[in-house]
Amino acid sequence: MSSSLPNYDDPTRRLLTAREAAEVAHVTPACIRQWVRRGYLTPTASYRRGKKVHLFLESHILKVERDRRVRQRQVSTTADSSSTEPLSS
């Protein structure tokens, strides 16, 4: 008999709080909040538990983290190549 329960181990379905998202992305919860303010990340759902709590899809967190890491590498590579250019007299 097949179970119709959703697979919550699937990152496309798993909802995380900012603290859990930070653990997955290896950043701080403040970094997750900053990604939201800058528009890199959008909460999938929200609820009130004393204060407003945002929930994020794990797959979105992983994509933003990967994109940020790639951009940082591109910036550092560009900075390294420009510092090794010979100076013109």
N, C-alpha and C. Protein backbone atom coordinates (compact mmCIF):
# COMPACT_ATOMS: atom_id res chain seq x y z
N MET A 1 0.85 -1.17 0.00
CA MET A 1 0.00 0.00 0.00
C MET A 1 0.90 1.24 0.00
N SER A 2 0.60 2.18 -0.85
CA SER A 2 1.36 3.41 -1.00
C SER A 2 0.86 4.47 -0.02
N SER A 3 1.80 5.18 0.60
CA SER A 3 1.45 6.24 1.54
C SER A 3 1.30 7.55 0.78
N SER A 4 0.28 8.32 1.13
CA SER A 4 0.06 9.60 0.47
C SER A 4 0.63 10.78 1.27
N LEU A 5 1.41 10.48 2.31
CA LEU A 5 2.01 11.54 3.10
C LEU A 5 3.13 12.21 2.31
N PRO A 6 3.25 13.54 2.44
CA PRO A 6 4.32 14.23 1.71
C PRO A 6 5.69 13.88 2.28
N ASN A 7 6.70 13.93 1.45
CA ASN A 7 8.06 13.66 1.87
C ASN A 7 8.69 14.96 2.38
N TYR A 8 8.77 15.12 3.70
CA TYR A 8 9.29 16.36 4.28
C TYR A 8 10.82 16.39 4.30
N ASP A 9 11.46 15.31 3.88
CA ASP A 9 12.92 15.34 3.74
C ASP A 9 13.32 16.01 2.43
N ASP A 10 12.37 16.21 1.55
CA ASP A 10 12.60 16.85 0.26
C ASP A 10 12.77 18.35 0.47
N PRO A 11 13.94 18.94 0.09
CA PRO A 11 14.17 20.37 0.32
C PRO A 11 13.19 21.30 -0.39
N THR A 12 12.48 20.80 -1.40
CA THR A 12 11.51 21.64 -2.09
C THR A 12 10.22 21.78 -1.30
N ARG A 13 10.06 20.99 -0.24
CA ARG A 13 8.84 21.02 0.56
C ARG A 13 9.07 21.41 2.02
N ARG A 14 10.30 21.41 2.46
CA ARG A 14 10.61 21.64 3.87
C ARG A 14 10.60 23.12 4.20
N LEU A 15 9.78 23.53 5.17
CA LEU A 15 9.73 24.92 5.61
C LEU A 15 10.61 25.09 6.84
N LEU A 16 11.40 26.16 6.84
CA LEU A 16 12.34 26.44 7.92
C LEU A 16 12.14 27.83 8.48
N THR A 17 12.37 27.99 9.77
CA THR A 17 12.39 29.32 10.38
C THR A 17 13.72 29.98 10.00
N ALA A 18 13.88 31.24 10.32
CA ALA A 18 15.13 31.95 10.01
C ALA A 18 16.31 31.29 10.72
N ARG A 19 16.11 30.86 11.94
CA ARG A 19 17.19 30.21 12.69
C ARG A 19 17.59 28.88 12.03
N GLU A 20 16.59 28.08 11.64
CA GLU A 20 16.88 26.81 10.97
C GLU A 20 17.51 27.04 9.60
N ALA A 21 17.02 28.05 8.90
CA ALA A 21 17.57 28.39 7.58
C ALA A 21 19.04 28.80 7.70
N ALA A 22 19.35 29.55 8.75
CA ALA A 22 20.73 29.99 8.97
C ALA A 22 21.64 28.79 9.21
N GLU A 23 21.16 27.80 9.95
CA GLU A 23 21.96 26.59 10.19
C GLU A 23 22.23 25.85 8.88
N VAL A 24 21.21 25.73 8.04
CA VAL A 24 21.35 25.03 6.76
C VAL A 24 22.34 25.75 5.86
N ALA A 25 22.28 27.08 5.82
CA ALA A 25 23.13 27.88 4.93
C ALA A 25 24.49 28.22 5.55
N HIS A 26 24.70 27.84 6.81
CA HIS A 26 25.95 28.13 7.52
C HIS A 26 26.21 29.63 7.62
N VAL A 27 25.15 30.37 7.95
CA VAL A 27 25.23 31.81 8.18
C VAL A 27 24.49 32.10 9.49
N THR A 28 24.41 33.37 9.87
CA THR A 28 23.68 33.75 11.07
C THR A 28 22.23 34.07 10.73
N PRO A 29 21.33 34.01 11.73
CA PRO A 29 19.94 34.43 11.47
C PRO A 29 19.86 35.88 10.99
N ALA A 30 20.77 36.73 11.46
CA ALA A 30 20.80 38.13 11.01
C ALA A 30 21.09 38.20 9.51
N CYS A 31 21.92 37.30 9.01
CA CYS A 31 22.22 37.26 7.58
C CYS A 31 20.97 36.88 6.79
N ILE A 32 20.19 35.94 7.29
CA ILE A 32 18.94 35.55 6.64
C ILE A 32 18.00 36.75 6.58
N ARG A 33 17.87 37.47 7.69
CA ARG A 33 17.01 38.66 7.71
C ARG A 33 17.51 39.71 6.72
N GLN A 34 18.81 39.85 6.61
CA GLN A 34 19.38 40.81 5.66
C GLN A 34 19.10 40.38 4.22
N TRP A 35 19.16 39.10 3.93
CA TRP A 35 18.83 38.61 2.59
C TRP A 35 17.39 38.96 2.24
N VAL A 36 16.50 38.88 3.24
CA VAL A 36 15.09 39.24 3.01
C VAL A 36 14.98 40.73 2.71
N ARG A 37 15.64 41.56 3.54
CA ARG A 37 15.59 43.03 3.34
C ARG A 37 16.15 43.42 1.97
N ARG A 38 17.19 42.75 1.53
CA ARG A 38 17.82 43.09 0.24
C ARG A 38 17.09 42.48 -0.95
N GLY A 39 16.10 41.64 -0.69
CA GLY A 39 15.31 41.07 -1.77
C GLY A 39 15.87 39.79 -2.36
N TYR A 40 16.92 39.23 -1.76
CA TYR A 40 17.49 37.98 -2.26
C TYR A 40 16.59 36.79 -1.92
N LEU A 41 15.81 36.92 -0.85
CA LEU A 41 15.02 35.81 -0.33
C LEU A 41 13.65 36.32 0.07
N THR A 42 12.62 35.55 -0.24
CA THR A 42 11.25 35.92 0.11
C THR A 42 10.65 34.83 0.98
N PRO A 43 10.03 35.18 2.11
CA PRO A 43 9.39 34.15 2.94
C PRO A 43 8.26 33.48 2.16
N THR A 44 8.14 32.18 2.35
CA THR A 44 7.07 31.41 1.72
C THR A 44 5.79 31.53 2.51
N ALA A 45 5.92 31.62 3.84
CA ALA A 45 4.75 31.73 4.72
C ALA A 45 5.16 32.51 5.96
N SER A 46 4.18 33.01 6.69
CA SER A 46 4.41 33.73 7.94
C SER A 46 3.30 33.40 8.92
N TYR A 47 3.61 33.49 10.20
CA TYR A 47 2.58 33.35 11.23
C TYR A 47 3.01 34.15 12.44
N ARG A 48 2.07 34.39 13.34
CA ARG A 48 2.36 35.14 14.56
C ARG A 48 2.44 34.19 15.74
N ARG A 49 3.51 34.31 16.47
CA ARG A 49 3.69 33.57 17.72
C ARG A 49 4.34 34.55 18.69
N GLY A 50 3.55 35.51 19.15
CA GLY A 50 4.11 36.62 19.92
C GLY A 50 4.66 37.66 18.96
N LYS A 51 5.59 37.25 18.14
CA LYS A 51 6.12 38.12 17.08
C LYS A 51 5.97 37.38 15.76
N LYS A 52 6.11 38.10 14.68
CA LYS A 52 5.92 37.50 13.36
C LYS A 52 7.09 36.56 13.04
N VAL A 53 6.78 35.36 12.60
CA VAL A 53 7.78 34.37 12.23
C VAL A 53 7.63 34.07 10.75
N HIS A 54 8.73 34.20 10.03
CA HIS A 54 8.72 33.88 8.59
C HIS A 54 9.22 32.45 8.40
N LEU A 55 8.65 31.79 7.40
CA LEU A 55 9.09 30.45 7.03
C LEU A 55 9.61 30.48 5.60
N PHE A 56 10.68 29.73 5.38
CA PHE A 56 11.35 29.72 4.08
C PHE A 56 11.48 28.30 3.58
N LEU A 57 11.35 28.10 2.27
CA LEU A 57 11.59 26.79 1.70
C LEU A 57 13.09 26.52 1.72
N GLU A 58 13.46 25.33 2.14
CA GLU A 58 14.87 24.97 2.23
C GLU A 58 15.56 25.10 0.87
N SER A 59 14.87 24.72 -0.19
CA SER A 59 15.47 24.82 -1.53
C SER A 59 15.79 26.26 -1.90
N HIS A 60 14.96 27.22 -1.47
CA HIS A 60 15.22 28.64 -1.74
C HIS A 60 16.46 29.11 -0.96
N ILE A 61 16.55 28.68 0.29
CA ILE A 61 17.71 29.05 1.11
C ILE A 61 18.99 28.55 0.46
N LEU A 62 18.99 27.30 0.04
CA LEU A 62 20.18 26.72 -0.57
C LEU A 62 20.56 27.41 -1.87
N LYS A 63 19.56 27.81 -2.66
CA LYS A 63 19.83 28.51 -3.92
C LYS A 63 20.44 29.89 -3.66
N VAL A 64 19.87 30.64 -2.73
CA VAL A 64 20.40 31.97 -2.42
C VAL A 64 21.81 31.86 -1.87
N GLU A 65 22.04 30.89 -0.99
CA GLU A 65 23.37 30.71 -0.41
C GLU A 65 24.38 30.38 -1.51
N ARG A 66 24.01 29.51 -2.44
CA ARG A 66 24.90 29.14 -3.54
C ARG A 66 25.17 30.35 -4.44
N ASP A 67 24.13 31.11 -4.76
CA ASP A 67 24.29 32.30 -5.60
C ASP A 67 25.20 33.33 -4.94
N ARG A 68 25.04 33.53 -3.65
CA ARG A 68 25.87 34.50 -2.92
C ARG A 68 27.33 34.04 -2.93
N ARG A 69 27.56 32.74 -2.73
CA ARG A 69 28.91 32.21 -2.72
C ARG A 69 29.58 32.37 -4.08
N VAL A 70 28.83 32.12 -5.16
CA VAL A 70 29.37 32.27 -6.52
C VAL A 70 29.72 33.73 -6.78
N ARG A 71 28.83 34.65 -6.39
CA ARG A 71 29.10 36.08 -6.59
C ARG A 71 30.34 36.53 -5.82
N GLN A 72 30.51 36.03 -4.59
CA GLN A 72 31.68 36.41 -3.80
C GLN A 72 32.96 35.92 -4.47
N ARG A 73 32.92 34.71 -5.04
CA ARG A 73 34.10 34.20 -5.74
C ARG A 73 34.42 35.05 -6.96
N GLN A 74 33.38 35.48 -7.70
CA GLN A 74 33.60 36.30 -8.89
C GLN A 74 34.22 37.63 -8.49
N VAL A 75 33.76 38.23 -7.42
CA VAL A 75 34.28 39.51 -6.97
C VAL A 75 35.73 39.35 -6.52
N SER A 76 36.02 38.31 -5.75
CA SER A 76 37.40 38.12 -5.27
C SER A 76 38.34 37.78 -6.43
N THR A 77 37.87 37.04 -7.42
CA THR A 77 38.69 36.72 -8.59
C THR A 77 38.98 37.98 -9.38
N THR A 78 37.99 38.85 -9.55
CA THR A 78 38.17 40.11 -10.27
C THR A 78 39.15 41.01 -9.52
N ALA A 79 39.02 41.07 -8.21
CA ALA A 79 39.91 41.90 -7.40
C ALA A 79 41.34 41.35 -7.46
N ASP A 80 41.51 40.03 -7.44
CA ASP A 80 42.84 39.44 -7.52
C ASP A 80 43.49 39.71 -8.88
N SER A 81 42.74 39.59 -9.95
CA SER A 81 43.31 39.80 -11.28
C SER A 81 43.67 41.25 -11.51
N SER A 82 42.90 42.19 -10.96
CA SER A 82 43.22 43.60 -11.16
C SER A 82 44.43 44.03 -10.34
N SER A 83 44.70 43.34 -9.22
CA SER A 83 45.85 43.71 -8.41
C SER A 83 47.15 43.16 -8.99
N THR A 84 47.07 42.18 -9.89
CA THR A 84 48.28 41.62 -10.49
C THR A 84 48.63 42.24 -11.83
N GLU A 85 47.81 43.18 -12.30
CA GLU A 85 48.12 43.84 -13.57
C GLU A 85 49.34 44.74 -13.40
N PRO A 86 50.22 44.78 -14.39
CA PRO A 86 51.40 45.65 -14.28
C PRO A 86 50.98 47.13 -14.30
N LEU A 87 51.69 47.92 -13.57
CA LEU A 87 51.42 49.35 -13.52
C LEU A 87 52.04 50.02 -14.75
N SER A 88 51.30 50.89 -15.37
CA SER A 88 51.85 51.60 -16.54
C SER A 88 52.52 52.87 -16.07
N SER A 89 53.60 53.25 -16.74
CA SER A 89 54.35 54.44 -16.32
C SER A 89 53.88 55.66 -17.05
